[in-house]
Full PDB file with SEQRES, HELIX, SHEET, SSBOND, CRYST1, ORIGX, SCALE, CONECT and MASTER records, all heavy atoms in Angstrom:
SEQRES   1 A   39  ILE GLU ASP SER SER PRO GLU ALA SER GLN LEU VAL GLY          
SEQRES   2 A   39  GLU GLY LEU ALA ARG ASP VAL ALA LYS ARG LEU ASP ALA          
SEQRES   3 A   39  ALA TYR PHE GLY VAL SER ALA ALA ASN THR PRO ASN GLY          
HELIX    1 AA1 PRO A    6  TYR A   28  1                                  23    
CRYST1    1.000    1.000    1.000  90.00  90.00  90.00 P 1           1          
ORIGX1      1.000000  0.000000  0.000000        0.00000                         
ORIGX2      0.000000  1.000000  0.000000        0.00000                         
ORIGX3      0.000000  0.000000  1.000000        0.00000                         
SCALE1      1.000000  0.000000  0.000000        0.00000                         
SCALE2      0.000000  1.000000  0.000000        0.00000                         
SCALE3      0.000000  0.000000  1.000000        0.00000                         
ATOM      1  N   ILE A   1      53.138  93.011  78.475  1.00  0.00           N  
ATOM      2  CA  ILE A   1      53.500  93.940  77.407  1.00  0.00           C  
ATOM      3  C   ILE A   1      55.034  93.890  77.176  1.00  0.00           C  
ATOM      4  O   ILE A   1      55.510  93.855  76.033  1.00  0.00           O  
ATOM      5  CB  ILE A   1      53.163  95.393  77.722  1.00  0.00           C  
ATOM      6  CG1 ILE A   1      51.639  95.555  77.692  1.00  0.00           C  
ATOM      7  CG2 ILE A   1      53.861  96.391  76.814  1.00  0.00           C  
ATOM      8  CD1 ILE A   1      51.082  95.373  76.259  1.00  0.00           C  
ATOM      9  N   GLU A   2      55.793  93.701  78.307  1.00  0.00           N  
ATOM     10  CA  GLU A   2      57.219  93.702  78.154  1.00  0.00           C  
ATOM     11  C   GLU A   2      57.710  92.361  77.582  1.00  0.00           C  
ATOM     12  O   GLU A   2      58.913  92.194  77.197  1.00  0.00           O  
ATOM     13  CB  GLU A   2      57.925  93.879  79.512  1.00  0.00           C  
ATOM     14  CG  GLU A   2      57.753  95.330  80.003  1.00  0.00           C  
ATOM     15  CD  GLU A   2      58.038  95.488  81.457  1.00  0.00           C  
ATOM     16  OE1 GLU A   2      58.425  94.546  82.078  1.00  0.00           O  
ATOM     17  OE2 GLU A   2      57.870  96.652  81.988  1.00  0.00           O  
ATOM     18  N   ASP A   3      56.807  91.269  77.630  1.00  0.00           N  
ATOM     19  CA  ASP A   3      57.283  90.020  77.029  1.00  0.00           C  
ATOM     20  C   ASP A   3      57.203  90.168  75.472  1.00  0.00           C  
ATOM     21  O   ASP A   3      56.195  90.406  74.905  1.00  0.00           O  
ATOM     22  CB  ASP A   3      56.254  88.951  77.502  1.00  0.00           C  
ATOM     23  CG  ASP A   3      56.627  87.574  77.016  1.00  0.00           C  
ATOM     24  OD1 ASP A   3      57.576  87.438  76.207  1.00  0.00           O  
ATOM     25  OD2 ASP A   3      55.988  86.673  77.514  1.00  0.00           O  
ATOM     26  N   SER A   4      58.342  90.023  74.881  1.00  0.00           N  
ATOM     27  CA  SER A   4      58.462  90.337  73.476  1.00  0.00           C  
ATOM     28  C   SER A   4      58.191  89.077  72.666  1.00  0.00           C  
ATOM     29  O   SER A   4      58.328  89.082  71.356  1.00  0.00           O  
ATOM     30  CB  SER A   4      59.883  90.824  73.111  1.00  0.00           C  
ATOM     31  OG  SER A   4      60.859  89.833  73.513  1.00  0.00           O  
ATOM     32  N   SER A   5      57.695  87.966  73.262  1.00  0.00           N  
ATOM     33  CA  SER A   5      57.407  86.753  72.456  1.00  0.00           C  
ATOM     34  C   SER A   5      56.191  86.986  71.578  1.00  0.00           C  
ATOM     35  O   SER A   5      55.263  87.736  71.957  1.00  0.00           O  
ATOM     36  CB  SER A   5      57.181  85.584  73.359  1.00  0.00           C  
ATOM     37  OG  SER A   5      55.933  85.750  73.994  1.00  0.00           O  
ATOM     38  N   PRO A   6      56.087  86.337  70.475  1.00  0.00           N  
ATOM     39  CA  PRO A   6      54.893  86.448  69.554  1.00  0.00           C  
ATOM     40  C   PRO A   6      53.631  86.091  70.254  1.00  0.00           C  
ATOM     41  O   PRO A   6      52.573  86.597  70.005  1.00  0.00           O  
ATOM     42  CB  PRO A   6      55.163  85.529  68.393  1.00  0.00           C  
ATOM     43  CG  PRO A   6      56.729  85.393  68.389  1.00  0.00           C  
ATOM     44  CD  PRO A   6      57.121  85.441  69.848  1.00  0.00           C  
ATOM     45  N   GLU A   7      53.689  85.109  71.262  1.00  0.00           N  
ATOM     46  CA  GLU A   7      52.551  84.681  71.962  1.00  0.00           C  
ATOM     47  C   GLU A   7      51.835  85.781  72.718  1.00  0.00           C  
ATOM     48  O   GLU A   7      50.577  85.895  72.771  1.00  0.00           O  
ATOM     49  CB  GLU A   7      52.842  83.485  72.847  1.00  0.00           C  
ATOM     50  CG  GLU A   7      53.204  82.247  72.137  1.00  0.00           C  
ATOM     51  CD  GLU A   7      54.664  82.203  71.637  1.00  0.00           C  
ATOM     52  OE1 GLU A   7      55.370  83.174  72.005  1.00  0.00           O  
ATOM     53  OE2 GLU A   7      54.987  81.265  70.936  1.00  0.00           O  
ATOM     54  N   ALA A   8      52.647  86.690  73.334  1.00  0.00           N  
ATOM     55  CA  ALA A   8      52.092  87.790  74.144  1.00  0.00           C  
ATOM     56  C   ALA A   8      51.316  88.726  73.253  1.00  0.00           C  
ATOM     57  O   ALA A   8      50.212  89.146  73.592  1.00  0.00           O  
ATOM     58  CB  ALA A   8      53.208  88.490  74.872  1.00  0.00           C  
ATOM     59  N   SER A   9      51.953  89.153  72.133  1.00  0.00           N  
ATOM     60  CA  SER A   9      51.270  90.039  71.226  1.00  0.00           C  
ATOM     61  C   SER A   9      50.053  89.435  70.617  1.00  0.00           C  
ATOM     62  O   SER A   9      48.960  90.057  70.389  1.00  0.00           O  
ATOM     63  CB  SER A   9      52.185  90.487  70.076  1.00  0.00           C  
ATOM     64  OG  SER A   9      53.310  91.099  70.561  1.00  0.00           O  
ATOM     65  N   GLN A  10      50.072  88.161  70.315  1.00  0.00           N  
ATOM     66  CA  GLN A  10      48.958  87.492  69.735  1.00  0.00           C  
ATOM     67  C   GLN A  10      47.773  87.387  70.687  1.00  0.00           C  
ATOM     68  O   GLN A  10      46.571  87.546  70.277  1.00  0.00           O  
ATOM     69  CB  GLN A  10      49.360  86.030  69.273  1.00  0.00           C  
ATOM     70  CG  GLN A  10      48.270  85.289  68.509  1.00  0.00           C  
ATOM     71  CD  GLN A  10      48.720  83.990  68.019  1.00  0.00           C  
ATOM     72  OE1 GLN A  10      49.959  83.691  68.041  1.00  0.00           O  
ATOM     73  NE2 GLN A  10      47.801  83.190  67.482  1.00  0.00           N  
ATOM     74  N   LEU A  11      47.980  87.211  71.941  1.00  0.00           N  
ATOM     75  CA  LEU A  11      46.997  87.196  72.953  1.00  0.00           C  
ATOM     76  C   LEU A  11      46.174  88.436  72.938  1.00  0.00           C  
ATOM     77  O   LEU A  11      44.973  88.426  73.031  1.00  0.00           O  
ATOM     78  CB  LEU A  11      47.650  86.868  74.298  1.00  0.00           C  
ATOM     79  CG  LEU A  11      46.694  86.791  75.533  1.00  0.00           C  
ATOM     80  CD1 LEU A  11      45.730  85.564  75.347  1.00  0.00           C  
ATOM     81  CD2 LEU A  11      47.433  86.653  76.832  1.00  0.00           C  
ATOM     82  N   VAL A  12      46.878  89.581  72.964  1.00  0.00           N  
ATOM     83  CA  VAL A  12      46.204  90.969  72.982  1.00  0.00           C  
ATOM     84  C   VAL A  12      45.468  91.101  71.740  1.00  0.00           C  
ATOM     85  O   VAL A  12      44.253  91.478  71.726  1.00  0.00           O  
ATOM     86  CB  VAL A  12      47.277  92.066  73.206  1.00  0.00           C  
ATOM     87  CG1 VAL A  12      46.589  93.427  73.116  1.00  0.00           C  
ATOM     88  CG2 VAL A  12      47.964  91.878  74.523  1.00  0.00           C  
ATOM     89  N   GLY A  13      46.040  90.825  70.633  1.00  0.00           N  
ATOM     90  CA  GLY A  13      45.365  90.996  69.277  1.00  0.00           C  
ATOM     91  C   GLY A  13      44.224  90.172  69.109  1.00  0.00           C  
ATOM     92  O   GLY A  13      43.133  90.548  68.635  1.00  0.00           O  
ATOM     93  N   GLU A  14      44.220  88.875  69.465  1.00  0.00           N  
ATOM     94  CA  GLU A  14      43.163  87.984  69.315  1.00  0.00           C  
ATOM     95  C   GLU A  14      41.892  88.405  70.175  1.00  0.00           C  
ATOM     96  O   GLU A  14      40.758  88.332  69.808  1.00  0.00           O  
ATOM     97  CB  GLU A  14      43.502  86.642  69.748  1.00  0.00           C  
ATOM     98  CG  GLU A  14      44.395  85.890  68.655  1.00  0.00           C  
ATOM     99  CD  GLU A  14      44.780  84.486  69.087  1.00  0.00           C  
ATOM    100  OE1 GLU A  14      44.560  84.116  70.265  1.00  0.00           O  
ATOM    101  OE2 GLU A  14      45.395  83.779  68.277  1.00  0.00           O  
ATOM    102  N   GLY A  15      42.207  88.896  71.411  1.00  0.00           N  
ATOM    103  CA  GLY A  15      41.037  89.309  72.287  1.00  0.00           C  
ATOM    104  C   GLY A  15      40.399  90.552  71.654  1.00  0.00           C  
ATOM    105  O   GLY A  15      39.115  90.647  71.642  1.00  0.00           O  
ATOM    106  N   LEU A  16      41.113  91.494  71.168  1.00  0.00           N  
ATOM    107  CA  LEU A  16      40.540  92.608  70.515  1.00  0.00           C  
ATOM    108  C   LEU A  16      39.785  92.256  69.235  1.00  0.00           C  
ATOM    109  O   LEU A  16      38.647  92.753  69.008  1.00  0.00           O  
ATOM    110  CB  LEU A  16      41.612  93.655  70.101  1.00  0.00           C  
ATOM    111  CG  LEU A  16      42.223  94.483  71.292  1.00  0.00           C  
ATOM    112  CD1 LEU A  16      43.364  95.222  70.802  1.00  0.00           C  
ATOM    113  CD2 LEU A  16      41.168  95.346  71.946  1.00  0.00           C  
ATOM    114  N   ALA A  17      40.365  91.357  68.448  1.00  0.00           N  
ATOM    115  CA  ALA A  17      39.750  90.919  67.192  1.00  0.00           C  
ATOM    116  C   ALA A  17      38.429  90.230  67.414  1.00  0.00           C  
ATOM    117  O   ALA A  17      37.420  90.483  66.764  1.00  0.00           O  
ATOM    118  CB  ALA A  17      40.699  90.004  66.399  1.00  0.00           C  
ATOM    119  N   ARG A  18      38.392  89.415  68.429  1.00  0.00           N  
ATOM    120  CA  ARG A  18      37.096  88.687  68.704  1.00  0.00           C  
ATOM    121  C   ARG A  18      35.971  89.648  69.059  1.00  0.00           C  
ATOM    122  O   ARG A  18      34.844  89.496  68.591  1.00  0.00           O  
ATOM    123  CB  ARG A  18      37.332  87.640  69.885  1.00  0.00           C  
ATOM    124  CG  ARG A  18      38.033  86.377  69.426  1.00  0.00           C  
ATOM    125  CD  ARG A  18      37.849  85.312  70.547  1.00  0.00           C  
ATOM    126  NE  ARG A  18      38.463  85.760  71.791  1.00  0.00           N  
ATOM    127  CZ  ARG A  18      39.785  85.568  72.034  1.00  0.00           C  
ATOM    128  NH1 ARG A  18      40.538  84.815  71.168  1.00  0.00           N  
ATOM    129  NH2 ARG A  18      40.250  85.913  73.239  1.00  0.00           N  
ATOM    130  N   ASP A  19      36.298  90.572  69.896  1.00  0.00           N  
ATOM    131  CA  ASP A  19      35.213  91.517  70.285  1.00  0.00           C  
ATOM    132  C   ASP A  19      34.807  92.468  69.201  1.00  0.00           C  
ATOM    133  O   ASP A  19      33.626  92.768  68.978  1.00  0.00           O  
ATOM    134  CB  ASP A  19      35.630  92.350  71.551  1.00  0.00           C  
ATOM    135  CG  ASP A  19      34.471  93.095  72.239  1.00  0.00           C  
ATOM    136  OD1 ASP A  19      33.581  92.385  72.692  1.00  0.00           O  
ATOM    137  OD2 ASP A  19      34.446  94.318  72.211  1.00  0.00           O  
ATOM    138  N   VAL A  20      35.794  92.976  68.386  1.00  0.00           N  
ATOM    139  CA  VAL A  20      35.560  93.789  67.273  1.00  0.00           C  
ATOM    140  C   VAL A  20      34.614  93.084  66.240  1.00  0.00           C  
ATOM    141  O   VAL A  20      33.680  93.625  65.703  1.00  0.00           O  
ATOM    142  CB  VAL A  20      36.769  94.301  66.607  1.00  0.00           C  
ATOM    143  CG1 VAL A  20      36.481  94.930  65.223  1.00  0.00           C  
ATOM    144  CG2 VAL A  20      37.483  95.348  67.507  1.00  0.00           C  
ATOM    145  N   ALA A  21      34.929  91.818  66.005  1.00  0.00           N  
ATOM    146  CA  ALA A  21      34.143  91.018  65.044  1.00  0.00           C  
ATOM    147  C   ALA A  21      32.751  90.864  65.539  1.00  0.00           C  
ATOM    148  O   ALA A  21      31.733  90.895  64.758  1.00  0.00           O  
ATOM    149  CB  ALA A  21      34.797  89.641  64.861  1.00  0.00           C  
ATOM    150  N   LYS A  22      32.600  90.642  66.868  1.00  0.00           N  
ATOM    151  CA  LYS A  22      31.250  90.454  67.391  1.00  0.00           C  
ATOM    152  C   LYS A  22      30.421  91.733  67.267  1.00  0.00           C  
ATOM    153  O   LYS A  22      29.132  91.708  66.848  1.00  0.00           O  
ATOM    154  CB  LYS A  22      31.390  90.112  68.880  1.00  0.00           C  
ATOM    155  CG  LYS A  22      30.071  89.848  69.574  1.00  0.00           C  
ATOM    156  CD  LYS A  22      30.242  89.645  71.085  1.00  0.00           C  
ATOM    157  CE  LYS A  22      31.238  88.607  71.514  1.00  0.00           C  
ATOM    158  NZ  LYS A  22      31.418  88.556  72.963  1.00  0.00           N  
ATOM    159  N   ARG A  23      31.060  92.863  67.523  1.00  0.00           N  
ATOM    160  CA  ARG A  23      30.305  94.191  67.428  1.00  0.00           C  
ATOM    161  C   ARG A  23      30.015  94.490  65.976  1.00  0.00           C  
ATOM    162  O   ARG A  23      28.994  95.071  65.637  1.00  0.00           O  
ATOM    163  CB  ARG A  23      31.125  95.308  67.984  1.00  0.00           C  
ATOM    164  CG  ARG A  23      31.593  95.104  69.478  1.00  0.00           C  
ATOM    165  CD  ARG A  23      30.446  94.941  70.453  1.00  0.00           C  
ATOM    166  NE  ARG A  23      30.925  94.612  71.748  1.00  0.00           N  
ATOM    167  CZ  ARG A  23      30.136  94.358  72.751  1.00  0.00           C  
ATOM    168  NH1 ARG A  23      28.820  94.403  72.599  1.00  0.00           N  
ATOM    169  NH2 ARG A  23      30.633  94.077  74.006  1.00  0.00           N  
ATOM    170  N   LEU A  24      30.952  94.157  65.048  1.00  0.00           N  
ATOM    171  CA  LEU A  24      30.702  94.405  63.646  1.00  0.00           C  
ATOM    172  C   LEU A  24      29.476  93.557  63.091  1.00  0.00           C  
ATOM    173  O   LEU A  24      28.610  94.096  62.422  1.00  0.00           O  
ATOM    174  CB  LEU A  24      31.951  94.030  62.843  1.00  0.00           C  
ATOM    175  CG  LEU A  24      31.991  94.380  61.392  1.00  0.00           C  
ATOM    176  CD1 LEU A  24      32.078  95.946  61.220  1.00  0.00           C  
ATOM    177  CD2 LEU A  24      33.202  93.738  60.726  1.00  0.00           C  
ATOM    178  N   ASP A  25      29.398  92.308  63.590  1.00  0.00           N  
ATOM    179  CA  ASP A  25      28.265  91.506  63.139  1.00  0.00           C  
ATOM    180  C   ASP A  25      26.959  92.020  63.746  1.00  0.00           C  
ATOM    181  O   ASP A  25      25.914  92.092  63.105  1.00  0.00           O  
ATOM    182  CB  ASP A  25      28.503  90.061  63.593  1.00  0.00           C  
ATOM    183  CG  ASP A  25      29.449  89.286  62.738  1.00  0.00           C  
ATOM    184  OD1 ASP A  25      29.795  89.878  61.719  1.00  0.00           O  
ATOM    185  OD2 ASP A  25      29.763  88.171  63.001  1.00  0.00           O  
ATOM    186  N   ALA A  26      26.993  92.484  65.068  1.00  0.00           N  
ATOM    187  CA  ALA A  26      25.785  92.992  65.657  1.00  0.00           C  
ATOM    188  C   ALA A  26      25.243  94.139  64.944  1.00  0.00           C  
ATOM    189  O   ALA A  26      24.033  94.343  64.713  1.00  0.00           O  
ATOM    190  CB  ALA A  26      26.056  93.367  67.080  1.00  0.00           C  
ATOM    191  N   ALA A  27      26.134  95.020  64.397  1.00  0.00           N  
ATOM    192  CA  ALA A  27      25.671  96.175  63.705  1.00  0.00           C  
ATOM    193  C   ALA A  27      25.165  95.860  62.263  1.00  0.00           C  
ATOM    194  O   ALA A  27      24.104  96.275  61.759  1.00  0.00           O  
ATOM    195  CB  ALA A  27      26.836  97.247  63.585  1.00  0.00           C  
ATOM    196  N   TYR A  28      25.885  94.886  61.610  1.00  0.00           N  
ATOM    197  CA  TYR A  28      25.594  94.471  60.242  1.00  0.00           C  
ATOM    198  C   TYR A  28      24.176  93.883  60.089  1.00  0.00           C  
ATOM    199  O   TYR A  28      23.445  94.108  59.313  1.00  0.00           O  
ATOM    200  CB  TYR A  28      26.680  93.652  59.594  1.00  0.00           C  
ATOM    201  CG  TYR A  28      26.416  93.303  58.232  1.00  0.00           C  
ATOM    202  CD1 TYR A  28      26.838  94.066  57.138  1.00  0.00           C  
ATOM    203  CD2 TYR A  28      25.668  92.137  57.904  1.00  0.00           C  
ATOM    204  CE1 TYR A  28      26.666  93.798  55.811  1.00  0.00           C  
ATOM    205  CE2 TYR A  28      25.490  91.737  56.531  1.00  0.00           C  
ATOM    206  CZ  TYR A  28      25.969  92.631  55.510  1.00  0.00           C  
ATOM    207  OH  TYR A  28      25.789  92.261  54.220  1.00  0.00           O  
ATOM    208  N   PHE A  29      23.894  92.947  61.032  1.00  0.00           N  
ATOM    209  CA  PHE A  29      22.658  92.157  61.029  1.00  0.00           C  
ATOM    210  C   PHE A  29      21.573  92.874  61.878  1.00  0.00           C  
ATOM    211  O   PHE A  29      20.463  92.336  61.939  1.00  0.00           O  
ATOM    212  CB  PHE A  29      22.846  90.757  61.506  1.00  0.00           C  
ATOM    213  CG  PHE A  29      23.756  89.939  60.634  1.00  0.00           C  
ATOM    214  CD1 PHE A  29      25.022  89.575  60.929  1.00  0.00           C  
ATOM    215  CD2 PHE A  29      23.295  89.540  59.362  1.00  0.00           C  
ATOM    216  CE1 PHE A  29      25.833  88.840  60.181  1.00  0.00           C  
ATOM    217  CE2 PHE A  29      24.116  88.854  58.493  1.00  0.00           C  
ATOM    218  CZ  PHE A  29      25.356  88.458  58.871  1.00  0.00           C  
ATOM    219  N   GLY A  30      21.819  94.023  62.384  1.00  0.00           N  
ATOM    220  CA  GLY A  30      20.874  94.714  63.248  1.00  0.00           C  
ATOM    221  C   GLY A  30      20.179  95.874  62.489  1.00  0.00           C  
ATOM    222  O   GLY A  30      20.116  95.912  61.251  1.00  0.00           O  
ATOM    223  N   VAL A  31      19.590  96.765  63.249  1.00  0.00           N  
ATOM    224  CA  VAL A  31      18.847  97.926  62.714  1.00  0.00           C  
ATOM    225  C   VAL A  31      19.719  99.165  63.098  1.00  0.00           C  
ATOM    226  O   VAL A  31      20.690  99.089  63.769  1.00  0.00           O  
ATOM    227  CB  VAL A  31      17.433  97.971  63.259  1.00  0.00           C  
ATOM    228  CG1 VAL A  31      16.690  96.749  62.718  1.00  0.00           C  
ATOM    229  CG2 VAL A  31      17.414  98.049  64.802  1.00  0.00           C  
ATOM    230  N   SER A  32      19.080 100.330  62.755  1.00  0.00           N  
ATOM    231  CA  SER A  32      19.799 101.577  62.969  1.00  0.00           C  
ATOM    232  C   SER A  32      19.869 101.814  64.526  1.00  0.00           C  
ATOM    233  O   SER A  32      18.935 101.521  65.250  1.00  0.00           O  
ATOM    234  CB  SER A  32      19.020 102.804  62.354  1.00  0.00           C  
ATOM    235  OG  SER A  32      18.921 102.573  60.943  1.00  0.00           O  
ATOM    236  N   ALA A  33      21.067 102.180  64.942  1.00  0.00           N  
ATOM    237  CA  ALA A  33      21.312 102.524  66.342  1.00  0.00           C  
ATOM    238  C   ALA A  33      22.309 103.708  66.367  1.00  0.00           C  
ATOM    239  O   ALA A  33      23.035 104.068  65.397  1.00  0.00           O  
ATOM    240  CB  ALA A  33      21.826 101.355  67.047  1.00  0.00           C  
ATOM    241  N   ALA A  34      22.370 104.315  67.520  1.00  0.00           N  
ATOM    242  CA  ALA A  34      23.328 105.496  67.719  1.00  0.00           C  
ATOM    243  C   ALA A  34      24.748 105.085  67.474  1.00  0.00           C  
ATOM    244  O   ALA A  34      25.168 104.034  67.946  1.00  0.00           O  
ATOM    245  CB  ALA A  34      23.108 105.993  69.183  1.00  0.00           C  
ATOM    246  N   ASN A  35      25.406 105.883  66.687  1.00  0.00           N  
ATOM    247  CA  ASN A  35      26.870 105.748  66.465  1.00  0.00           C  
ATOM    248  C   ASN A  35      27.225 104.451  65.700  1.00  0.00           C  
ATOM    249  O   ASN A  35      28.426 104.181  65.642  1.00  0.00           O  
ATOM    250  CB  ASN A  35      27.670 105.800  67.758  1.00  0.00           C  
ATOM    251  CG  ASN A  35      27.370 107.006  68.517  1.00  0.00           C  
ATOM    252  OD1 ASN A  35      27.352 108.162  68.038  1.00  0.00           O  
ATOM    253  ND2 ASN A  35      27.245 106.926  69.900  1.00  0.00           N  
ATOM    254  N   THR A  36      26.243 103.837  64.954  1.00  0.00           N  
ATOM    255  CA  THR A  36      26.547 102.648  64.225  1.00  0.00           C  
ATOM    256  C   THR A  36      26.103 102.846  62.829  1.00  0.00           C  
ATOM    257  O   THR A  36      25.216 103.594  62.509  1.00  0.00           O  
ATOM    258  CB  THR A  36      25.891 101.410  64.777  1.00  0.00           C  
ATOM    259  OG1 THR A  36      24.442 101.511  64.611  1.00  0.00           O  
ATOM    260  CG2 THR A  36      26.180 101.215  66.282  1.00  0.00           C  
ATOM    261  N   PRO A  37      26.666 102.141  61.840  1.00  0.00           N  
ATOM    262  CA  PRO A  37      26.114 102.122  60.480  1.00  0.00           C  
ATOM    263  C   PRO A  37      24.816 101.502  60.477  1.00  0.00           C  
ATOM    264  O   PRO A  37      24.436 100.723  61.331  1.00  0.00           O  
ATOM    265  CB  PRO A  37      27.185 101.227  59.703  1.00  0.00           C  
ATOM    266  CG  PRO A  37      28.371 101.131  60.608  1.00  0.00           C  
ATOM    267  CD  PRO A  37      27.872 101.234  62.004  1.00  0.00           C  
ATOM    268  N   ASN A  38      24.036 101.903  59.474  1.00  0.00           N  
ATOM    269  CA  ASN A  38      22.694 101.245  59.287  1.00  0.00           C  
ATOM    270  C   ASN A  38      22.837  99.836  58.867  1.00  0.00           C  
ATOM    271  O   ASN A  38      23.414  99.519  57.870  1.00  0.00           O  
ATOM    272  CB  ASN A  38      21.847 101.962  58.313  1.00  0.00           C  
ATOM    273  CG  ASN A  38      21.478 103.402  58.806  1.00  0.00           C  
ATOM    274  OD1 ASN A  38      21.349 103.609  59.981  1.00  0.00           O  
ATOM    275  ND2 ASN A  38      21.247 104.309  57.904  1.00  0.00           N  
ATOM    276  N   GLY A  39      22.338  98.880  59.637  1.00  0.00           N  
ATOM    277  CA  GLY A  39      22.346  97.509  59.377  1.00  0.00           C  
ATOM    278  C   GLY A  39      21.424  96.999  58.355  1.00  0.00           C  
ATOM    279  O   GLY A  39      20.540  97.717  57.900  1.00  0.00           O  
TER     280      GLY A  39                                                      
MASTER        0    0    0    1    0    0    0    6  279    1    0    3          
END                                                                             
């Protein structure tokens, strides 16, 4: 976190983005589930 280089921030952001994208797709192409939009 203390490393102010762009690479450090990008590492954190890319990891979050990959998982968020995966969960978004699972909900969109899925069926109704608790706490998710209707797919």
